Amino acid sequence: LAGDRPASIEVRGTVVDLITGDEGRAHIEELSHKYI
């Protein structure tokens, strides 16, 4: 968590799908635009 004091949220989970193809490729572009 960005901020003045160090903090994080821990999530334990299960992968329910591994999505490849056009959707997998489009997703990295969405993330890239979000972050950089």
Full PDB file with SEQRES, HELIX, SHEET, SSBOND, CRYST1, ORIGX, SCALE, CONECT and MASTER records, all heavy atoms in Angstrom:
SEQRES   1 A   36  LEU ALA GLY ASP ARG PRO ALA SER ILE GLU VAL ARG GLY          
SEQRES   2 A   36  THR VAL VAL ASP LEU ILE THR GLY ASP GLU GLY ARG ALA          
SEQRES   3 A   36  HIS ILE GLU GLU LEU SER HIS LYS TYR ILE                      
HELIX    1 AA1 GLY A   21  TYR A   35  1                                  15    
CRYST1    1.000    1.000    1.000  90.00  90.00  90.00 P 1           1          
ORIGX1      1.000000  0.000000  0.000000        0.00000                         
ORIGX2      0.000000  1.000000  0.000000        0.00000                         
ORIGX3      0.000000  0.000000  1.000000        0.00000                         
SCALE1      1.000000  0.000000  0.000000        0.00000                         
SCALE2      0.000000  1.000000  0.000000        0.00000                         
SCALE3      0.000000  0.000000  1.000000        0.00000                         
ATOM      1  N   LEU A   1       0.835  -1.193   0.000  1.00  0.00           N  
ATOM      2  CA  LEU A   1       0.000   0.000   0.000  1.00  0.00           C  
ATOM      3  C   LEU A   1       0.875   1.250   0.000  1.00  0.00           C  
ATOM      4  O   LEU A   1       1.663   1.459   0.925  1.00  0.00           O  
ATOM      5  CB  LEU A   1      -0.919   0.004   1.220  1.00  0.00           C  
ATOM      6  CG  LEU A   1      -1.853  -1.202   1.332  1.00  0.00           C  
ATOM      7  CD1 LEU A   1      -2.588  -1.180   2.653  1.00  0.00           C  
ATOM      8  CD2 LEU A   1      -2.823  -1.242   0.163  1.00  0.00           C  
ATOM      9  N   ALA A   2       0.756   2.042  -1.041  1.00  0.00           N  
ATOM     10  CA  ALA A   2       1.507   3.289  -1.128  1.00  0.00           C  
ATOM     11  C   ALA A   2       1.038   4.222  -0.019  1.00  0.00           C  
ATOM     12  O   ALA A   2      -0.144   4.263   0.319  1.00  0.00           O  
ATOM     13  CB  ALA A   2       1.303   3.938  -2.494  1.00  0.00           C  
ATOM     14  N   GLY A   3       1.967   4.963   0.557  1.00  0.00           N  
ATOM     15  CA  GLY A   3       1.591   5.891   1.615  1.00  0.00           C  
ATOM     16  C   GLY A   3       2.756   6.232   2.502  1.00  0.00           C  
ATOM     17  O   GLY A   3       3.902   5.859   2.231  1.00  0.00           O  
ATOM     18  N   ASP A   4       2.457   6.943   3.577  1.00  0.00           N  
ATOM     19  CA  ASP A   4       3.494   7.422   4.482  1.00  0.00           C  
ATOM     20  C   ASP A   4       4.088   6.340   5.372  1.00  0.00           C  
ATOM     21  O   ASP A   4       5.212   6.452   5.825  1.00  0.00           O  
ATOM     22  CB  ASP A   4       2.934   8.543   5.371  1.00  0.00           C  
ATOM     23  CG  ASP A   4       2.581   9.774   4.567  1.00  0.00           C  
ATOM     24  OD1 ASP A   4       3.151   9.953   3.470  1.00  0.00           O  
ATOM     25  OD2 ASP A   4       1.733  10.553   5.035  1.00  0.00           O  
ATOM     26  N   ARG A   5       3.318   5.311   5.657  1.00  0.00           N  
ATOM     27  CA  ARG A   5       3.845   4.256   6.520  1.00  0.00           C  
ATOM     28  C   ARG A   5       3.747   2.914   5.785  1.00  0.00           C  
ATOM     29  O   ARG A   5       2.781   2.665   5.061  1.00  0.00           O  
ATOM     30  CB  ARG A   5       3.107   4.199   7.854  1.00  0.00           C  
ATOM     31  CG  ARG A   5       1.660   3.834   7.751  1.00  0.00           C  
ATOM     32  CD  ARG A   5       1.012   3.812   9.149  1.00  0.00           C  
ATOM     33  NE  ARG A   5      -0.365   3.393   9.038  1.00  0.00           N  
ATOM     34  CZ  ARG A   5      -0.784   2.141   9.247  1.00  0.00           C  
ATOM     35  NH1 ARG A   5       0.059   1.211   9.586  1.00  0.00           N  
ATOM     36  NH2 ARG A   5      -2.065   1.841   9.126  1.00  0.00           N  
ATOM     37  N   PRO A   6       4.741   2.062   5.974  1.00  0.00           N  
ATOM     38  CA  PRO A   6       4.699   0.765   5.291  1.00  0.00           C  
ATOM     39  C   PRO A   6       3.502  -0.064   5.737  1.00  0.00           C  
ATOM     40  O   PRO A   6       3.220  -0.156   6.925  1.00  0.00           O  
ATOM     41  CB  PRO A   6       6.003   0.091   5.719  1.00  0.00           C  
ATOM     42  CG  PRO A   6       6.864   1.178   6.243  1.00  0.00           C  
ATOM     43  CD  PRO A   6       5.944   2.244   6.759  1.00  0.00           C  
ATOM     44  N   ALA A   7       2.796  -0.615   4.788  1.00  0.00           N  
ATOM     45  CA  ALA A   7       1.665  -1.495   5.089  1.00  0.00           C  
ATOM     46  C   ALA A   7       1.380  -2.353   3.855  1.00  0.00           C  
ATOM     47  O   ALA A   7       1.680  -1.962   2.724  1.00  0.00           O  
ATOM     48  CB  ALA A   7       0.430  -0.680   5.460  1.00  0.00           C  
ATOM     49  N   SER A   8       0.796  -3.501   4.085  1.00  0.00           N  
ATOM     50  CA  SER A   8       0.406  -4.357   2.972  1.00  0.00           C  
ATOM     51  C   SER A   8      -0.835  -5.162   3.349  1.00  0.00           C  
ATOM     52  O   SER A   8      -1.136  -5.359   4.520  1.00  0.00           O  
ATOM     53  CB  SER A   8       1.545  -5.301   2.577  1.00  0.00           C  
ATOM     54  OG  SER A   8       1.845  -6.182   3.631  1.00  0.00           O  
ATOM     55  N   ILE A   9      -1.526  -5.595   2.316  1.00  0.00           N  
ATOM     56  CA  ILE A   9      -2.670  -6.496   2.469  1.00  0.00           C  
ATOM     57  C   ILE A   9      -2.219  -7.856   1.950  1.00  0.00           C  
ATOM     58  O   ILE A   9      -1.700  -7.955   0.835  1.00  0.00           O  
ATOM     59  CB  ILE A   9      -3.888  -6.015   1.653  1.00  0.00           C  
ATOM     60  CG1 ILE A   9      -4.346  -4.637   2.130  1.00  0.00           C  
ATOM     61  CG2 ILE A   9      -5.018  -7.037   1.726  1.00  0.00           C  
ATOM     62  CD1 ILE A   9      -5.419  -4.014   1.242  1.00  0.00           C  
ATOM     63  N   GLU A  10      -2.410  -8.896   2.752  1.00  0.00           N  
ATOM     64  CA  GLU A  10      -2.064 -10.243   2.328  1.00  0.00           C  
ATOM     65  C   GLU A  10      -3.328 -10.956   1.851  1.00  0.00           C  
ATOM     66  O   GLU A  10      -4.349 -10.951   2.543  1.00  0.00           O  
ATOM     67  CB  GLU A  10      -1.442 -11.042   3.466  1.00  0.00           C  
ATOM     68  CG  GLU A  10      -1.091 -12.447   3.051  1.00  0.00           C  
ATOM     69  CD  GLU A  10      -0.617 -13.331   4.186  1.00  0.00           C  
ATOM     70  OE1 GLU A  10      -0.602 -12.875   5.347  1.00  0.00           O  
ATOM     71  OE2 GLU A  10      -0.290 -14.490   3.905  1.00  0.00           O  
ATOM     72  N   VAL A  11      -3.222 -11.559   0.684  1.00  0.00           N  
ATOM     73  CA  VAL A  11      -4.340 -12.314   0.114  1.00  0.00           C  
ATOM     74  C   VAL A  11      -3.860 -13.728  -0.185  1.00  0.00           C  
ATOM     75  O   VAL A  11      -2.920 -13.919  -0.957  1.00  0.00           O  
ATOM     76  CB  VAL A  11      -4.865 -11.657  -1.182  1.00  0.00           C  
ATOM     77  CG1 VAL A  11      -6.040 -12.452  -1.737  1.00  0.00           C  
ATOM     78  CG2 VAL A  11      -5.228 -10.201  -0.949  1.00  0.00           C  
ATOM     79  N   ARG A  12      -4.503 -14.709   0.421  1.00  0.00           N  
ATOM     80  CA  ARG A  12      -4.247 -16.106   0.099  1.00  0.00           C  
ATOM     81  C   ARG A  12      -5.379 -16.545  -0.803  1.00  0.00           C  
ATOM     82  O   ARG A  12      -6.553 -16.318  -0.488  1.00  0.00           O  
ATOM     83  CB  ARG A  12      -4.200 -16.952   1.354  1.00  0.00           C  
ATOM     84  CG  ARG A  12      -3.078 -16.557   2.269  1.00  0.00           C  
ATOM     85  CD  ARG A  12      -3.120 -17.307   3.569  1.00  0.00           C  
ATOM     86  NE  ARG A  12      -2.334 -16.564   4.554  1.00  0.00           N  
ATOM     87  CZ  ARG A  12      -2.478 -16.667   5.851  1.00  0.00           C  
ATOM     88  NH1 ARG A  12      -3.371 -17.500   6.352  1.00  0.00           N  
ATOM     89  NH2 ARG A  12      -1.735 -15.953   6.659  1.00  0.00           N  
ATOM     90  N   GLY A  13      -5.029 -17.158  -1.918  1.00  0.00           N  
ATOM     91  CA  GLY A  13      -6.078 -17.521  -2.851  1.00  0.00           C  
ATOM     92  C   GLY A  13      -5.714 -18.674  -3.754  1.00  0.00           C  
ATOM     93  O   GLY A  13      -4.663 -19.305  -3.609  1.00  0.00           O  
ATOM     94  N   THR A  14      -6.615 -18.900  -4.702  1.00  0.00           N  
ATOM     95  CA  THR A  14      -6.475 -19.970  -5.677  1.00  0.00           C  
ATOM     96  C   THR A  14      -6.627 -19.385  -7.071  1.00  0.00           C  
ATOM     97  O   THR A  14      -7.517 -18.556  -7.306  1.00  0.00           O  
ATOM     98  CB  THR A  14      -7.557 -21.048  -5.451  1.00  0.00           C  
ATOM     99  OG1 THR A  14      -7.430 -21.540  -4.119  1.00  0.00           O  
ATOM    100  CG2 THR A  14      -7.418 -22.187  -6.428  1.00  0.00           C  
ATOM    101  N   VAL A  15      -5.788 -19.838  -7.978  1.00  0.00           N  
ATOM    102  CA  VAL A  15      -5.918 -19.439  -9.379  1.00  0.00           C  
ATOM    103  C   VAL A  15      -7.063 -20.239  -9.976  1.00  0.00           C  
ATOM    104  O   VAL A  15      -7.068 -21.470  -9.935  1.00  0.00           O  
ATOM    105  CB  VAL A  15      -4.601 -19.678 -10.143  1.00  0.00           C  
ATOM    106  CG1 VAL A  15      -4.792 -19.450 -11.631  1.00  0.00           C  
ATOM    107  CG2 VAL A  15      -3.516 -18.778  -9.590  1.00  0.00           C  
ATOM    108  N   VAL A  16      -8.051 -19.534 -10.517  1.00  0.00           N  
ATOM    109  CA  VAL A  16      -9.217 -20.201 -11.087  1.00  0.00           C  
ATOM    110  C   VAL A  16      -9.194 -20.221 -12.610  1.00  0.00           C  
ATOM    111  O   VAL A  16      -9.985 -20.931 -13.224  1.00  0.00           O  
ATOM    112  CB  VAL A  16     -10.541 -19.582 -10.579  1.00  0.00           C  
ATOM    113  CG1 VAL A  16     -10.689 -19.809  -9.087  1.00  0.00           C  
ATOM    114  CG2 VAL A  16     -10.628 -18.105 -10.903  1.00  0.00           C  
ATOM    115  N   ASP A  17      -8.269 -19.462 -13.214  1.00  0.00           N  
ATOM    116  CA  ASP A  17      -8.156 -19.490 -14.672  1.00  0.00           C  
ATOM    117  C   ASP A  17      -6.824 -18.898 -15.097  1.00  0.00           C  
ATOM    118  O   ASP A  17      -6.322 -17.952 -14.474  1.00  0.00           O  
ATOM    119  CB  ASP A  17      -9.299 -18.698 -15.323  1.00  0.00           C  
ATOM    120  CG  ASP A  17      -9.596 -19.135 -16.749  1.00  0.00           C  
ATOM    121  OD1 ASP A  17      -8.902 -20.039 -17.270  1.00  0.00           O  
ATOM    122  OD2 ASP A  17     -10.535 -18.572 -17.346  1.00  0.00           O  
ATOM    123  N   LEU A  18      -6.250 -19.472 -16.142  1.00  0.00           N  
ATOM    124  CA  LEU A  18      -5.046 -18.968 -16.791  1.00  0.00           C  
ATOM    125  C   LEU A  18      -5.463 -18.634 -18.222  1.00  0.00           C  
ATOM    126  O   LEU A  18      -5.672 -19.539 -19.032  1.00  0.00           O  
ATOM    127  CB  LEU A  18      -3.938 -20.022 -16.768  1.00  0.00           C  
ATOM    128  CG  LEU A  18      -3.438 -20.423 -15.382  1.00  0.00           C  
ATOM    129  CD1 LEU A  18      -2.569 -21.685 -15.457  1.00  0.00           C  
ATOM    130  CD2 LEU A  18      -2.655 -19.285 -14.745  1.00  0.00           C  
ATOM    131  N   ILE A  19      -5.616 -17.353 -18.519  1.00  0.00           N  
ATOM    132  CA  ILE A  19      -6.219 -16.905 -19.767  1.00  0.00           C  
ATOM    133  C   ILE A  19      -5.128 -16.443 -20.734  1.00  0.00           C  
ATOM    134  O   ILE A  19      -4.400 -15.494 -20.453  1.00  0.00           O  
ATOM    135  CB  ILE A  19      -7.209 -15.755 -19.496  1.00  0.00           C  
ATOM    136  CG1 ILE A  19      -8.248 -16.198 -18.463  1.00  0.00           C  
ATOM    137  CG2 ILE A  19      -7.861 -15.285 -20.793  1.00  0.00           C  
ATOM    138  CD1 ILE A  19      -8.963 -15.058 -17.777  1.00  0.00           C  
ATOM    139  N   THR A  20      -5.016 -17.119 -21.868  1.00  0.00           N  
ATOM    140  CA  THR A  20      -4.006 -16.786 -22.871  1.00  0.00           C  
ATOM    141  C   THR A  20      -4.672 -16.132 -24.080  1.00  0.00           C  
ATOM    142  O   THR A  20      -5.798 -15.674 -23.999  1.00  0.00           O  
ATOM    143  CB  THR A  20      -3.244 -18.065 -23.287  1.00  0.00           C  
ATOM    144  OG1 THR A  20      -4.193 -19.031 -23.760  1.00  0.00           O  
ATOM    145  CG2 THR A  20      -2.471 -18.663 -22.127  1.00  0.00           C  
ATOM    146  N   GLY A  21      -3.968 -16.088 -25.182  1.00  0.00           N  
ATOM    147  CA  GLY A  21      -4.520 -15.546 -26.419  1.00  0.00           C  
ATOM    148  C   GLY A  21      -4.653 -14.037 -26.381  1.00  0.00           C  
ATOM    149  O   GLY A  21      -3.925 -13.342 -25.662  1.00  0.00           O  
ATOM    150  N   ASP A  22      -5.611 -13.535 -27.130  1.00  0.00           N  
ATOM    151  CA  ASP A  22      -5.809 -12.088 -27.247  1.00  0.00           C  
ATOM    152  C   ASP A  22      -6.109 -11.436 -25.901  1.00  0.00           C  
ATOM    153  O   ASP A  22      -5.642 -10.326 -25.623  1.00  0.00           O  
ATOM    154  CB  ASP A  22      -6.950 -11.777 -28.228  1.00  0.00           C  
ATOM    155  CG  ASP A  22      -6.601 -12.117 -29.669  1.00  0.00           C  
ATOM    156  OD1 ASP A  22      -5.396 -12.257 -29.981  1.00  0.00           O  
ATOM    157  OD2 ASP A  22      -7.533 -12.242 -30.479  1.00  0.00           O  
ATOM    158  N   GLU A  23      -6.872 -12.114 -25.055  1.00  0.00           N  
ATOM    159  CA  GLU A  23      -7.218 -11.537 -23.754  1.00  0.00           C  
ATOM    160  C   GLU A  23      -5.995 -11.404 -22.849  1.00  0.00           C  
ATOM    161  O   GLU A  23      -5.817 -10.400 -22.151  1.00  0.00           O  
ATOM    162  CB  GLU A  23      -8.313 -12.348 -23.065  1.00  0.00           C  
ATOM    163  CG  GLU A  23      -8.853 -11.682 -21.827  1.00  0.00           C  
ATOM    164  CD  GLU A  23     -10.030 -12.416 -21.198  1.00  0.00           C  
ATOM    165  OE1 GLU A  23     -10.621 -13.315 -21.841  1.00  0.00           O  
ATOM    166  OE2 GLU A  23     -10.368 -12.080 -20.046  1.00  0.00           O  
ATOM    167  N   GLY A  24      -5.124 -12.404 -22.867  1.00  0.00           N  
ATOM    168  CA  GLY A  24      -3.895 -12.334 -22.084  1.00  0.00           C  
ATOM    169  C   GLY A  24      -2.996 -11.205 -22.564  1.00  0.00           C  
ATOM    170  O   GLY A  24      -2.415 -10.464 -21.762  1.00  0.00           O  
ATOM    171  N   ARG A  25      -2.903 -11.042 -23.876  1.00  0.00           N  
ATOM    172  CA  ARG A  25      -2.069  -9.979 -24.459  1.00  0.00           C  
ATOM    173  C   ARG A  25      -2.665  -8.601 -24.175  1.00  0.00           C  
ATOM    174  O   ARG A  25      -1.948  -7.661 -23.813  1.00  0.00           O  
ATOM    175  CB  ARG A  25      -1.932 -10.206 -25.972  1.00  0.00           C  
ATOM    176  CG  ARG A  25      -1.076  -9.175 -26.680  1.00  0.00           C  
ATOM    177  CD  ARG A  25       0.376  -9.297 -26.232  1.00  0.00           C  
ATOM    178  NE  ARG A  25       1.250  -8.425 -26.969  1.00  0.00           N  
ATOM    179  CZ  ARG A  25       1.562  -7.182 -26.603  1.00  0.00           C  
ATOM    180  NH1 ARG A  25       1.070  -6.676 -25.489  1.00  0.00           N  
ATOM    181  NH2 ARG A  25       2.378  -6.455 -27.317  1.00  0.00           N  
ATOM    182  N   ALA A  26      -3.972  -8.456 -24.318  1.00  0.00           N  
ATOM    183  CA  ALA A  26      -4.628  -7.169 -24.068  1.00  0.00           C  
ATOM    184  C   ALA A  26      -4.490  -6.769 -22.601  1.00  0.00           C  
ATOM    185  O   ALA A  26      -4.331  -5.587 -22.282  1.00  0.00           O  
ATOM    186  CB  ALA A  26      -6.099  -7.232 -24.466  1.00  0.00           C  
ATOM    187  N   HIS A  27      -4.505  -7.756 -21.718  1.00  0.00           N  
ATOM    188  CA  HIS A  27      -4.422  -7.469 -20.290  1.00  0.00           C  
ATOM    189  C   HIS A  27      -3.096  -6.821 -19.907  1.00  0.00           C  
ATOM    190  O   HIS A  27      -3.069  -5.886 -19.099  1.00  0.00           O  
ATOM    191  CB  HIS A  27      -4.654  -8.752 -19.482  1.00  0.00           C  
ATOM    192  CG  HIS A  27      -4.682  -8.525 -18.023  1.00  0.00           C  
ATOM    193  ND1 HIS A  27      -3.739  -9.068 -17.176  1.00  0.00           N  
ATOM    194  CD2 HIS A  27      -5.511  -7.791 -17.234  1.00  0.00           C  
ATOM    195  CE1 HIS A  27      -3.996  -8.691 -15.935  1.00  0.00           C  
ATOM    196  NE2 HIS A  27      -5.066  -7.926 -15.946  1.00  0.00           N  
ATOM    197  N   ILE A  28      -1.970  -7.279 -20.489  1.00  0.00           N  
ATOM    198  CA  ILE A  28      -0.688  -6.672 -20.137  1.00  0.00           C  
ATOM    199  C   ILE A  28      -0.639  -5.227 -20.631  1.00  0.00           C  
ATOM    200  O   ILE A  28      -0.032  -4.366 -19.996  1.00  0.00           O  
ATOM    201  CB  ILE A  28       0.525  -7.491 -20.629  1.00  0.00           C  
ATOM    202  CG1 ILE A  28       1.822  -7.007 -19.958  1.00  0.00           C  
ATOM    203  CG2 ILE A  28       0.681  -7.440 -22.140  1.00  0.00           C  
ATOM    204  CD1 ILE A  28       1.854  -7.089 -18.465  1.00  0.00           C  
ATOM    205  N   GLU A  29      -1.318  -4.945 -21.729  1.00  0.00           N  
ATOM    206  CA  GLU A  29      -1.378  -3.563 -22.222  1.00  0.00           C  
ATOM    207  C   GLU A  29      -2.194  -2.690 -21.262  1.00  0.00           C  
ATOM    208  O   GLU A  29      -1.812  -1.557 -20.976  1.00  0.00           O  
ATOM    209  CB  GLU A  29      -1.959  -3.504 -23.631  1.00  0.00           C  
ATOM    210  CG  GLU A  29      -1.075  -4.129 -24.689  1.00  0.00           C  
ATOM    211  CD  GLU A  29       0.298  -3.480 -24.830  1.00  0.00           C  
ATOM    212  OE1 GLU A  29       0.473  -2.293 -24.472  1.00  0.00           O  
ATOM    213  OE2 GLU A  29       1.212  -4.174 -25.306  1.00  0.00           O  
ATOM    214  N   GLU A  30      -3.299  -3.222 -20.750  1.00  0.00           N  
ATOM    215  CA  GLU A  30      -4.111  -2.479 -19.774  1.00  0.00           C  
ATOM    216  C   GLU A  30      -3.296  -2.170 -18.519  1.00  0.00           C  
ATOM    217  O   GLU A  30      -3.319  -1.045 -18.015  1.00  0.00           O  
ATOM    218  CB  GLU A  30      -5.353  -3.292 -19.395  1.00  0.00           C  
ATOM    219  CG  GLU A  30      -6.360  -3.465 -20.507  1.00  0.00           C  
ATOM    220  CD  GLU A  30      -7.418  -4.504 -20.170  1.00  0.00           C  
ATOM    221  OE1 GLU A  30      -7.580  -4.864 -18.980  1.00  0.00           O  
ATOM    222  OE2 GLU A  30      -8.088  -4.968 -21.115  1.00  0.00           O  
ATOM    223  N   LEU A  31      -2.569  -3.181 -18.028  1.00  0.00           N  
ATOM    224  CA  LEU A  31      -1.741  -2.974 -16.843  1.00  0.00           C  
ATOM    225  C   LEU A  31      -0.633  -1.962 -17.108  1.00  0.00           C  
ATOM    226  O   LEU A  31      -0.342  -1.106 -16.274  1.00  0.00           O  
ATOM    227  CB  LEU A  31      -1.141  -4.300 -16.370  1.00  0.00           C  
ATOM    228  CG  LEU A  31      -2.114  -5.292 -15.745  1.00  0.00           C  
ATOM    229  CD1 LEU A  31      -1.436  -6.639 -15.535  1.00  0.00           C  
ATOM    230  CD2 LEU A  31      -2.677  -4.763 -14.442  1.00  0.00           C  
ATOM    231  N   SER A  32      -0.018  -2.039 -18.274  1.00  0.00           N  
ATOM    232  CA  SER A  32       1.057  -1.119 -18.621  1.00  0.00           C  
ATOM    233  C   SER A  32       0.562   0.324 -18.659  1.00  0.00           C  
ATOM    234  O   SER A  32       1.206   1.236 -18.137  1.00  0.00           O  
ATOM    235  CB  SER A  32       1.673  -1.504 -19.968  1.00  0.00           C  
ATOM    236  OG  SER A  32       2.792  -0.704 -20.247  1.00  0.00           O  
ATOM    237  N   HIS A  33      -0.606   0.532 -19.237  1.00  0.00           N  
ATOM    238  CA  HIS A  33      -1.171   1.887 -19.274  1.00  0.00           C  
ATOM    239  C   HIS A  33      -1.526   2.372 -17.868  1.00  0.00           C  
ATOM    240  O   HIS A  33      -1.348   3.550 -17.552  1.00  0.00           O  
ATOM    241  CB  HIS A  33      -2.361   1.956 -20.232  1.00  0.00           C  
ATOM    242  CG  HIS A  33      -1.922   2.053 -21.647  1.00  0.00           C  
ATOM    243  ND1 HIS A  33      -1.740   3.252 -22.286  1.00  0.00           N  
ATOM    244  CD2 HIS A  33      -1.583   1.096 -22.544  1.00  0.00           C  
ATOM    245  CE1 HIS A  33      -1.321   3.045 -23.516  1.00  0.00           C  
ATOM    246  NE2 HIS A  33      -1.213   1.732 -23.695  1.00  0.00           N  
ATOM    247  N   LYS A  34      -1.999   1.469 -17.028  1.00  0.00           N  
ATOM    248  CA  LYS A  34      -2.319   1.826 -15.643  1.00  0.00           C  
ATOM    249  C   LYS A  34      -1.062   2.258 -14.885  1.00  0.00           C  
ATOM    250  O   LYS A  34      -1.070   3.268 -14.190  1.00  0.00           O  
ATOM    251  CB  LYS A  34      -2.965   0.625 -14.937  1.00  0.00           C  
ATOM    252  CG  LYS A  34      -3.148   0.798 -13.436  1.00  0.00           C  
ATOM    253  CD  LYS A  34      -3.705  -0.482 -12.810  1.00  0.00           C  
ATOM    254  CE  LYS A  34      -3.685  -0.449 -11.302  1.00  0.00           C  
ATOM    255  NZ  LYS A  34      -4.236  -1.669 -10.704  1.00  0.00           N  
ATOM    256  N   TYR A  35       0.012   1.496 -15.002  1.00  0.00           N  
ATOM    257  CA  TYR A  35       1.202   1.733 -14.189  1.00  0.00           C  
ATOM    258  C   TYR A  35       2.197   2.721 -14.793  1.00  0.00           C  
ATOM    259  O   TYR A  35       2.824   3.476 -14.056  1.00  0.00           O  
ATOM    260  CB  TYR A  35       1.911   0.407 -13.876  1.00  0.00           C  
ATOM    261  CG  TYR A  35       1.233  -0.350 -12.764  1.00  0.00           C  
ATOM    262  CD1 TYR A  35       0.202  -1.244 -13.023  1.00  0.00           C  
ATOM    263  CD2 TYR A  35       1.603  -0.158 -11.439  1.00  0.00           C  
ATOM    264  CE1 TYR A  35      -0.424  -1.930 -12.000  1.00  0.00           C  
ATOM    265  CE2 TYR A  35       0.983  -0.833 -10.408  1.00  0.00           C  
ATOM    266  CZ  TYR A  35      -0.038  -1.724 -10.693  1.00  0.00           C  
ATOM    267  OH  TYR A  35      -0.669  -2.392  -9.675  1.00  0.00           O  
ATOM    268  N   ILE A  36       2.376   2.687 -16.123  1.00  0.00           N  
ATOM    269  CA  ILE A  36       3.398   3.568 -16.709  1.00  0.00           C  
ATOM    270  C   ILE A  36       2.859   4.490 -17.798  1.00  0.00           C  
ATOM    271  O   ILE A  36       3.609   5.271 -18.359  1.00  0.00           O  
ATOM    272  CB  ILE A  36       4.620   2.774 -17.225  1.00  0.00           C  
ATOM    273  CG1 ILE A  36       4.237   1.806 -18.352  1.00  0.00           C  
ATOM    274  CG2 ILE A  36       5.297   2.042 -16.071  1.00  0.00           C  
ATOM    275  CD1 ILE A  36       5.433   1.124 -19.015  1.00  0.00           C  
TER     276      ILE A  36                                                      
MASTER        0    0    0    1    0    0    0    6  275    1    0    3          
END                                                                             
